[in-house]
């Protein structure tokens, strides 16, 4: 009898779990009064630089019914550290479910921040959703393990593809820096030429001024000499 009772209890428990699944894995659930919000990523696990989306499932606590047009009076932002970005949600085929496309560009913790009202219920808070992970965790074969074969002196040498990609990046950066340095050097040369031309113009102006001053001094001296001669003639008369 005890074994039969145990068997029946286990059967009932398994049936309960089968027909009453728990919340979606890695989704977070928060209640704001009579409004229940489940938030998470559309594709899990979320990976950095992989197009994804934020998912919201909104229901009423009192009756368990989904809320249609729930986000009409709510501002929803995605927060990462001190950075925030508004989310543009679209209703899904399933009632009370909304999704917003987003491309996470950093690993780590993200949070959905909600402020406004839903079905007359004030909403003000944030829901932390699953951390965004690095794609390296799921990469196969590892980037550094991929190789390319080159032939030299009759022997095959294996060069990691990852190293080649890094070298190409370095070469590209160096080329950009050299080009920028050439532009700066040309600008400096043009500036130097302009300064030289300005100095030459100033020198020419100074020379002309000096020449005019000499002419003025000469004219003045000639005038004085003429005046002296005139006075001396007048005294002799």
C-alpha atoms as a PDB file:
ATOM      1  CA  UNK A   1       0.000   0.000   0.000  1.00  0.00           C
ATOM      2  CA  UNK A   2       2.811   2.428   0.828  1.00  0.00           C
ATOM      3  CA  UNK A   3       4.457   1.772  -2.544  1.00  0.00           C
ATOM      4  CA  UNK A   4       1.163   2.330  -4.320  1.00  0.00           C
ATOM      5  CA  UNK A   5       0.609   5.575  -2.421  1.00  0.00           C
ATOM      6  CA  UNK A   6       4.149   6.745  -3.249  1.00  0.00           C
ATOM      7  CA  UNK A   7       3.641   5.862  -6.900  1.00  0.00           C
ATOM      8  CA  UNK A   8       0.392   7.823  -7.034  1.00  0.00           C
ATOM      9  CA  UNK A   9       2.018  10.840  -5.337  1.00  0.00           C
ATOM     10  CA  UNK A  10       4.913  10.875  -7.805  1.00  0.00           C
ATOM     11  CA  UNK A  11       2.490  10.525 -10.717  1.00  0.00           C
ATOM     12  CA  UNK A  12       0.378  13.425  -9.482  1.00  0.00           C
ATOM     13  CA  UNK A  13       3.495  15.580  -8.985  1.00  0.00           C
ATOM     14  CA  UNK A  14       4.768  14.882 -12.504  1.00  0.00           C
ATOM     15  CA  UNK A  15       1.330  15.631 -13.936  1.00  0.00           C
ATOM     16  CA  UNK A  16       1.218  18.926 -12.067  1.00  0.00           C
ATOM     17  CA  UNK A  17       4.647  19.937 -13.349  1.00  0.00           C
ATOM     18  CA  UNK A  18       3.740  18.948 -16.889  1.00  0.00           C
ATOM     19  CA  UNK A  19       0.566  21.025 -17.009  1.00  0.00           C
ATOM     20  CA  UNK A  20       1.863  23.935 -14.883  1.00  0.00           C
ATOM     21  CA  UNK A  21       5.213  24.997 -16.336  1.00  0.00           C
ATOM     22  CA  UNK A  22       7.174  27.632 -14.444  1.00  0.00           C
ATOM     23  CA  UNK A  23       8.312  30.996 -15.796  1.00  0.00           C
ATOM     24  CA  UNK A  24      10.377  31.099 -19.007  1.00  0.00           C
ATOM     25  CA  UNK A  25      14.043  30.353 -18.333  1.00  0.00           C
ATOM     26  CA  UNK A  26      16.136  33.455 -17.528  1.00  0.00           C
ATOM     27  CA  UNK A  27      13.118  35.780 -17.748  1.00  0.00           C
ATOM     28  CA  UNK A  28      12.458  38.030 -14.779  1.00  0.00           C
ATOM     29  CA  UNK A  29       9.001  38.650 -13.302  1.00  0.00           C
ATOM     30  CA  UNK A  30       7.968  41.772 -11.363  1.00  0.00           C
ATOM     31  CA  UNK A  31       4.559  42.916 -10.131  1.00  0.00           C
ATOM     32  CA  UNK A  32       3.474  46.564  -9.950  1.00  0.00           C
ATOM     33  CA  UNK A  33       0.232  46.450  -8.000  1.00  0.00           C
ATOM     34  CA  UNK A  34      -2.295  44.644 -10.189  1.00  0.00           C
ATOM     35  CA  UNK A  35       0.066  44.509 -13.176  1.00  0.00           C
ATOM     36  CA  UNK A  36       2.525  41.639 -13.645  1.00  0.00           C
ATOM     37  CA  UNK A  37       5.451  42.109 -16.049  1.00  0.00           C
ATOM     38  CA  UNK A  38       7.733  39.345 -17.328  1.00  0.00           C
ATOM     39  CA  UNK A  39      10.853  40.679 -19.088  1.00  0.00           C
ATOM     40  CA  UNK A  40      13.717  38.985 -20.878  1.00  0.00           C
ATOM     41  CA  UNK A  41      15.503  38.482 -24.185  1.00  0.00           C
ATOM     42  CA  UNK A  42      13.777  37.025 -27.234  1.00  0.00           C
ATOM     43  CA  UNK A  43      16.800  34.813 -27.999  1.00  0.00           C
ATOM     44  CA  UNK A  44      18.659  33.268 -25.083  1.00  0.00           C
ATOM     45  CA  UNK A  45      21.394  33.314 -24.175  1.00  0.00           C
ATOM     46  CA  UNK A  46      21.865  36.861 -25.482  1.00  0.00           C
ATOM     47  CA  UNK A  47      25.211  37.319 -27.260  1.00  0.00           C
ATOM     48  CA  UNK A  48      27.186  40.498 -27.831  1.00  0.00           C
ATOM     49  CA  UNK A  49      26.913  42.003 -31.342  1.00  0.00           C
ATOM     50  CA  UNK A  50      24.133  39.541 -32.220  1.00  0.00           C
ATOM     51  CA  UNK A  51      20.745  40.989 -33.238  1.00  0.00           C
ATOM     52  CA  UNK A  52      18.207  40.208 -30.530  1.00  0.00           C
ATOM     53  CA  UNK A  53      15.103  41.661 -28.936  1.00  0.00           C
ATOM     54  CA  UNK A  54      13.610  42.529 -25.557  1.00  0.00           C
ATOM     55  CA  UNK A  55      10.425  40.656 -24.645  1.00  0.00           C
ATOM     56  CA  UNK A  56       7.659  41.878 -22.318  1.00  0.00           C
ATOM     57  CA  UNK A  57       4.652  39.791 -21.217  1.00  0.00           C
ATOM     58  CA  UNK A  58       2.076  41.902 -19.360  1.00  0.00           C
ATOM     59  CA  UNK A  59      -0.899  40.471 -17.462  1.00  0.00           C
ATOM     60  CA  UNK A  60      -3.247  41.509 -14.662  1.00  0.00           C
ATOM     61  CA  UNK A  61      -2.572  39.887 -11.301  1.00  0.00           C
ATOM     62  CA  UNK A  62      -6.220  39.878 -10.270  1.00  0.00           C
ATOM     63  CA  UNK A  63      -7.509  37.790 -13.180  1.00  0.00           C
ATOM     64  CA  UNK A  64      -4.392  36.550 -14.965  1.00  0.00           C
ATOM     65  CA  UNK A  65      -5.585  38.022 -18.258  1.00  0.00           C
ATOM     66  CA  UNK A  66      -3.160  39.612 -20.747  1.00  0.00           C
ATOM     67  CA  UNK A  67      -3.273  43.381 -21.142  1.00  0.00           C
ATOM     68  CA  UNK A  68      -3.788  44.638 -24.685  1.00  0.00           C
ATOM     69  CA  UNK A  69      -2.245  47.953 -25.767  1.00  0.00           C
ATOM     70  CA  UNK A  70      -0.435  47.901 -22.429  1.00  0.00           C
ATOM     71  CA  UNK A  71       2.461  50.176 -23.439  1.00  0.00           C
ATOM     72  CA  UNK A  72       0.433  53.090 -24.778  1.00  0.00           C
ATOM     73  CA  UNK A  73       1.145  55.209 -21.696  1.00  0.00           C
ATOM     74  CA  UNK A  74       4.494  53.778 -20.593  1.00  0.00           C
ATOM     75  CA  UNK A  75       8.031  54.866 -21.461  1.00  0.00           C
ATOM     76  CA  UNK A  76      10.289  51.821 -21.714  1.00  0.00           C
ATOM     77  CA  UNK A  77      14.084  52.149 -21.944  1.00  0.00           C
ATOM     78  CA  UNK A  78      16.933  49.659 -22.023  1.00  0.00           C
ATOM     79  CA  UNK A  79      19.707  50.601 -19.602  1.00  0.00           C
ATOM     80  CA  UNK A  80      23.370  49.515 -19.612  1.00  0.00           C
ATOM     81  CA  UNK A  81      25.397  51.246 -16.924  1.00  0.00           C
ATOM     82  CA  UNK A  82      24.793  54.979 -17.337  1.00  0.00           C
ATOM     83  CA  UNK A  83      23.588  54.606 -20.938  1.00  0.00           C
ATOM     84  CA  UNK A  84      19.884  54.354 -21.806  1.00  0.00           C
ATOM     85  CA  UNK A  85      17.999  53.843 -25.060  1.00  0.00           C
ATOM     86  CA  UNK A  86      14.237  54.030 -25.717  1.00  0.00           C
ATOM     87  CA  UNK A  87      12.696  50.774 -26.953  1.00  0.00           C
ATOM     88  CA  UNK A  88      10.073  50.643 -29.672  1.00  0.00           C
ATOM     89  CA  UNK A  89       7.810  47.707 -28.889  1.00  0.00           C
ATOM     90  CA  UNK A  90       5.503  45.940 -31.291  1.00  0.00           C
ATOM     91  CA  UNK A  91       2.650  43.661 -30.178  1.00  0.00           C
ATOM     92  CA  UNK A  92       3.111  39.965 -30.920  1.00  0.00           C
ATOM     93  CA  UNK A  93       0.469  37.503 -32.073  1.00  0.00           C
ATOM     94  CA  UNK A  94       0.098  36.329 -28.485  1.00  0.00           C
ATOM     95  CA  UNK A  95      -2.026  38.721 -26.445  1.00  0.00           C
ATOM     96  CA  UNK A  96      -0.167  40.800 -23.866  1.00  0.00           C
ATOM     97  CA  UNK A  97       3.236  40.036 -25.445  1.00  0.00           C
ATOM     98  CA  UNK A  98       5.453  42.787 -26.880  1.00  0.00           C
ATOM     99  CA  UNK A  99       8.928  42.724 -28.481  1.00  0.00           C
ATOM    100  CA  UNK A 100      11.510  45.389 -29.381  1.00  0.00           C
ATOM    101  CA  UNK A 101      14.488  44.677 -31.624  1.00  0.00           C
ATOM    102  CA  UNK A 102      17.923  45.622 -30.221  1.00  0.00           C
ATOM    103  CA  UNK A 103      21.584  44.846 -30.917  1.00  0.00           C
ATOM    104  CA  UNK A 104      23.538  44.548 -27.626  1.00  0.00           C
ATOM    105  CA  UNK A 105      27.096  45.800 -28.199  1.00  0.00           C
ATOM    106  CA  UNK A 106      28.550  45.158 -24.736  1.00  0.00           C
ATOM    107  CA  UNK A 107      28.612  42.155 -22.465  1.00  0.00           C
ATOM    108  CA  UNK A 108      27.187  42.342 -18.950  1.00  0.00           C
ATOM    109  CA  UNK A 109      24.019  43.351 -17.149  1.00  0.00           C
ATOM    110  CA  UNK A 110      21.112  45.119 -18.869  1.00  0.00           C
ATOM    111  CA  UNK A 111      17.893  46.424 -17.301  1.00  0.00           C
ATOM    112  CA  UNK A 112      14.449  47.345 -18.625  1.00  0.00           C
ATOM    113  CA  UNK A 113      13.288  50.662 -17.100  1.00  0.00           C
ATOM    114  CA  UNK A 114       9.521  51.374 -17.153  1.00  0.00           C
ATOM    115  CA  UNK A 115       7.693  54.554 -16.150  1.00  0.00           C
ATOM    116  CA  UNK A 116       4.040  55.400 -16.747  1.00  0.00           C
ATOM    117  CA  UNK A 117       0.684  53.679 -16.266  1.00  0.00           C
ATOM    118  CA  UNK A 118      -0.804  50.375 -17.434  1.00  0.00           C
ATOM    119  CA  UNK A 119      -4.553  49.851 -17.120  1.00  0.00           C
ATOM    120  CA  UNK A 120      -4.656  52.644 -14.537  1.00  0.00           C
ATOM    121  CA  UNK A 121      -1.817  51.122 -12.492  1.00  0.00           C
ATOM    122  CA  UNK A 122       1.240  53.336 -11.885  1.00  0.00           C
ATOM    123  CA  UNK A 123       4.448  51.731 -13.154  1.00  0.00           C
ATOM    124  CA  UNK A 124       7.847  52.977 -12.006  1.00  0.00           C
ATOM    125  CA  UNK A 125      10.796  50.610 -11.724  1.00  0.00           C
ATOM    126  CA  UNK A 126      13.329  48.499 -13.539  1.00  0.00           C
ATOM    127  CA  UNK A 127      13.756  44.817 -14.305  1.00  0.00           C
ATOM    128  CA  UNK A 128      17.231  43.356 -14.654  1.00  0.00           C
ATOM    129  CA  UNK A 129      17.354  40.809 -17.464  1.00  0.00           C
ATOM    130  CA  UNK A 130      19.881  38.133 -18.322  1.00  0.00           C
ATOM    131  CA  UNK A 131      23.512  39.196 -18.834  1.00  0.00           C
ATOM    132  CA  UNK A 132      24.750  39.499 -22.423  1.00  0.00           C
ATOM    133  CA  UNK A 133      27.569  37.023 -23.028  1.00  0.00           C
ATOM    134  CA  UNK A 134      30.657  36.987 -25.222  1.00  0.00           C
ATOM    135  CA  UNK A 135      30.392  34.889 -28.363  1.00  0.00           C
ATOM    136  CA  UNK A 136      33.759  33.299 -27.535  1.00  0.00           C
ATOM    137  CA  UNK A 137      31.960  30.944 -25.169  1.00  0.00           C
ATOM    138  CA  UNK A 138      30.131  29.343 -28.098  1.00  0.00           C
ATOM    139  CA  UNK A 139      32.744  29.750 -30.852  1.00  0.00           C
ATOM    140  CA  UNK A 140      33.960  26.530 -32.477  1.00  0.00           C
ATOM    141  CA  UNK A 141      36.612  26.024 -33.531  1.00  0.00           C
ATOM    142  CA  UNK A 142      38.254  28.809 -31.502  1.00  0.00           C
ATOM    143  CA  UNK A 143      39.426  31.737 -33.593  1.00  0.00           C
ATOM    144  CA  UNK A 144      43.062  31.224 -32.634  1.00  0.00           C
ATOM    145  CA  UNK A 145      42.924  27.541 -33.615  1.00  0.00           C
ATOM    146  CA  UNK A 146      41.957  28.120 -37.254  1.00  0.00           C
ATOM    147  CA  UNK A 147      45.050  28.013 -39.483  1.00  0.00           C
ATOM    148  CA  UNK A 148      46.094  28.616 -43.040  1.00  0.00           C
ATOM    149  CA  UNK A 149      48.873  26.714 -44.774  1.00  0.00           C
ATOM    150  CA  UNK A 150      51.715  28.396 -46.630  1.00  0.00           C
ATOM    151  CA  UNK A 151      54.617  26.726 -48.407  1.00  0.00           C
ATOM    152  CA  UNK A 152      58.167  27.862 -47.981  1.00  0.00           C
ATOM    153  CA  UNK A 153      61.446  26.003 -48.561  1.00  0.00           C
ATOM    154  CA  UNK A 154      59.495  22.829 -49.200  1.00  0.00           C
ATOM    155  CA  UNK A 155      57.894  22.831 -45.728  1.00  0.00           C
ATOM    156  CA  UNK A 156      54.313  23.678 -44.721  1.00  0.00           C
ATOM    157  CA  UNK A 157      54.059  26.267 -41.965  1.00  0.00           C
ATOM    158  CA  UNK A 158      50.810  26.878 -40.096  1.00  0.00           C
ATOM    159  CA  UNK A 159      49.864  30.518 -39.411  1.00  0.00           C
ATOM    160  CA  UNK A 160      46.878  31.181 -37.131  1.00  0.00           C
ATOM    161  CA  UNK A 161      44.029  32.947 -38.918  1.00  0.00           C
ATOM    162  CA  UNK A 162      43.444  35.000 -35.798  1.00  0.00           C
ATOM    163  CA  UNK A 163      47.032  36.310 -35.986  1.00  0.00           C
ATOM    164  CA  UNK A 164      46.576  37.200 -39.647  1.00  0.00           C
ATOM    165  CA  UNK A 165      43.392  39.129 -38.849  1.00  0.00           C
ATOM    166  CA  UNK A 166      45.184  41.002 -36.051  1.00  0.00           C
ATOM    167  CA  UNK A 167      48.103  41.856 -38.347  1.00  0.00           C
ATOM    168  CA  UNK A 168      45.711  43.122 -41.011  1.00  0.00           C
ATOM    169  CA  UNK A 169      44.020  45.323 -38.417  1.00  0.00           C
ATOM    170  CA  UNK A 170      47.390  46.703 -37.258  1.00  0.00           C
ATOM    171  CA  UNK A 171      48.465  47.386 -40.843  1.00  0.00           C
ATOM    172  CA  UNK A 172      45.198  49.169 -41.581  1.00  0.00           C
ATOM    173  CA  UNK A 173      45.577  51.324 -38.434  1.00  0.00           C
ATOM    174  CA  UNK A 174      49.193  52.164 -39.316  1.00  0.00           C
ATOM    175  CA  UNK A 175      48.210  53.102 -42.865  1.00  0.00           C
ATOM    176  CA  UNK A 176      45.512  55.403 -41.522  1.00  0.00           C
ATOM    177  CA  UNK A 177      47.978  56.996 -39.090  1.00  0.00           C
ATOM    178  CA  UNK A 178      50.559  57.529 -41.859  1.00  0.00           C
ATOM    179  CA  UNK A 179      47.951  59.130 -44.078  1.00  0.00           C
ATOM    180  CA  UNK A 180      46.841  61.385 -41.243  1.00  0.00           C
ATOM    181  CA  UNK A 181      50.484  62.329 -40.542  1.00  0.00           C
ATOM    182  CA  UNK A 182      50.952  63.237 -44.222  1.00  0.00           C
ATOM    183  CA  UNK A 183      47.894  65.466 -44.101  1.00  0.00           C
ATOM    184  CA  UNK A 184      49.178  67.191 -40.947  1.00  0.00           C
ATOM    185  CA  UNK A 185      52.628  67.639 -42.513  1.00  0.00           C
ATOM    186  CA  UNK A 186      51.103  69.171 -45.658  1.00  0.00           C
ATOM    187  CA  UNK A 187      49.020  71.542 -43.559  1.00  0.00           C
ATOM    188  CA  UNK A 188      52.130  72.532 -41.585  1.00  0.00           C
ATOM    189  CA  UNK A 189      54.026  73.121 -44.852  1.00  0.00           C
ATOM    190  CA  UNK A 190      51.222  75.297 -46.185  1.00  0.00           C
ATOM    191  CA  UNK A 191      51.146  77.245 -42.932  1.00  0.00           C
ATOM    192  CA  UNK A 192      54.928  77.752 -43.063  1.00  0.00           C
ATOM    193  CA  UNK A 193      54.712  78.967 -46.661  1.00  0.00           C
ATOM    194  CA  UNK A 194      51.984  81.420 -45.704  1.00  0.00           C
ATOM    195  CA  UNK A 195      54.093  82.743 -42.817  1.00  0.00           C
ATOM    196  CA  UNK A 196      57.103  83.119 -45.141  1.00  0.00           C
ATOM    197  CA  UNK A 197      55.032  85.055 -47.677  1.00  0.00           C
ATOM    198  CA  UNK A 198      53.704  87.289 -44.913  1.00  0.00           C
ATOM    199  CA  UNK A 199      57.259  87.981 -43.682  1.00  0.00           C
ATOM    200  CA  UNK A 200      58.383  88.847 -47.224  1.00  0.00           C
ATOM    201  CA  UNK A 201      55.464  91.234 -47.620  1.00  0.00           C
ATOM    202  CA  UNK A 202      56.284  92.902 -44.296  1.00  0.00           C
ATOM    203  CA  UNK A 203      59.931  93.210 -45.317  1.00  0.00           C
ATOM    204  CA  UNK A 204      58.985  94.821 -48.631  1.00  0.00           C
ATOM    205  CA  UNK A 205      56.652  97.199 -46.845  1.00  0.00           C
ATOM    206  CA  UNK A 206      59.419  98.123 -44.399  1.00  0.00           C
ATOM    207  CA  UNK A 207      61.871  98.719 -47.238  1.00  0.00           C
ATOM    208  CA  UNK A 208      59.405 100.981 -49.037  1.00  0.00           C
ATOM    209  CA  UNK A 209      58.731 102.894 -45.826  1.00  0.00           C
ATOM    210  CA  UNK A 210      62.472 103.315 -45.258  1.00  0.00           C
ATOM    211  CA  UNK A 211      62.972 104.525 -48.832  1.00  0.00           C
ATOM    212  CA  UNK A 212      60.146 107.038 -48.497  1.00  0.00           C
ATOM    213  CA  UNK A 213      61.608 108.280 -45.218  1.00  0.00           C
ATOM    214  CA  UNK A 214      65.000 108.818 -46.876  1.00  0.00           C
ATOM    215  CA  UNK A 215      63.336 110.694 -49.707  1.00  0.00           C
ATOM    216  CA  UNK A 216      61.506 112.846 -47.161  1.00  0.00           C
ATOM    217  CA  UNK A 217      64.689 113.533 -45.238  1.00  0.00           C
ATOM    218  CA  UNK A 218      66.491 114.404 -48.488  1.00  0.00           C
ATOM    219  CA  UNK A 219      63.717 116.744 -49.562  1.00  0.00           C
ATOM    220  CA  UNK A 220      63.780 118.396 -46.172  1.00  0.00           C
ATOM    221  CA  UNK A 221      67.554 118.842 -46.302  1.00  0.00           C
ATOM    222  CA  UNK A 222      67.324 120.279 -49.822  1.00  0.00           C
ATOM    223  CA  UNK A 223      64.700 122.748 -48.654  1.00  0.00           C
ATOM    224  CA  UNK A 224      66.897 123.874 -45.801  1.00  0.00           C
ATOM    225  CA  UNK A 225      69.871 124.292 -48.130  1.00  0.00           C
ATOM    226  CA  UNK A 226      67.830 126.361 -50.572  1.00  0.00           C
ATOM    227  CA  UNK A 227      66.612 128.533 -47.707  1.00  0.00           C
ATOM    228  CA  UNK A 228      70.154 129.170 -46.463  1.00  0.00           C
ATOM    229  CA  UNK A 229      71.352 130.093 -49.937  1.00  0.00           C
ATOM    230  CA  UNK A 230      68.464 132.478 -50.379  1.00  0.00           C
ATOM    231  CA  UNK A 231      69.169 134.184 -47.060  1.00  0.00           C
ATOM    232  CA  UNK A 232      72.843 134.579 -47.816  1.00  0.00           C
ATOM    233  CA  UNK A 233      72.106 136.247 -51.179  1.00  0.00           C
ATOM    234  CA  UNK A 234      69.670 138.610 -49.545  1.00  0.00           C
ATOM    235  CA  UNK A 235      72.310 139.707 -47.003  1.00  0.00           C
ATOM    236  CA  UNK A 236      74.811 140.450 -49.758  1.00  0.00           C
ATOM    237  CA  UNK A 237      72.343 142.678 -51.528  1.00  0.00           C
END
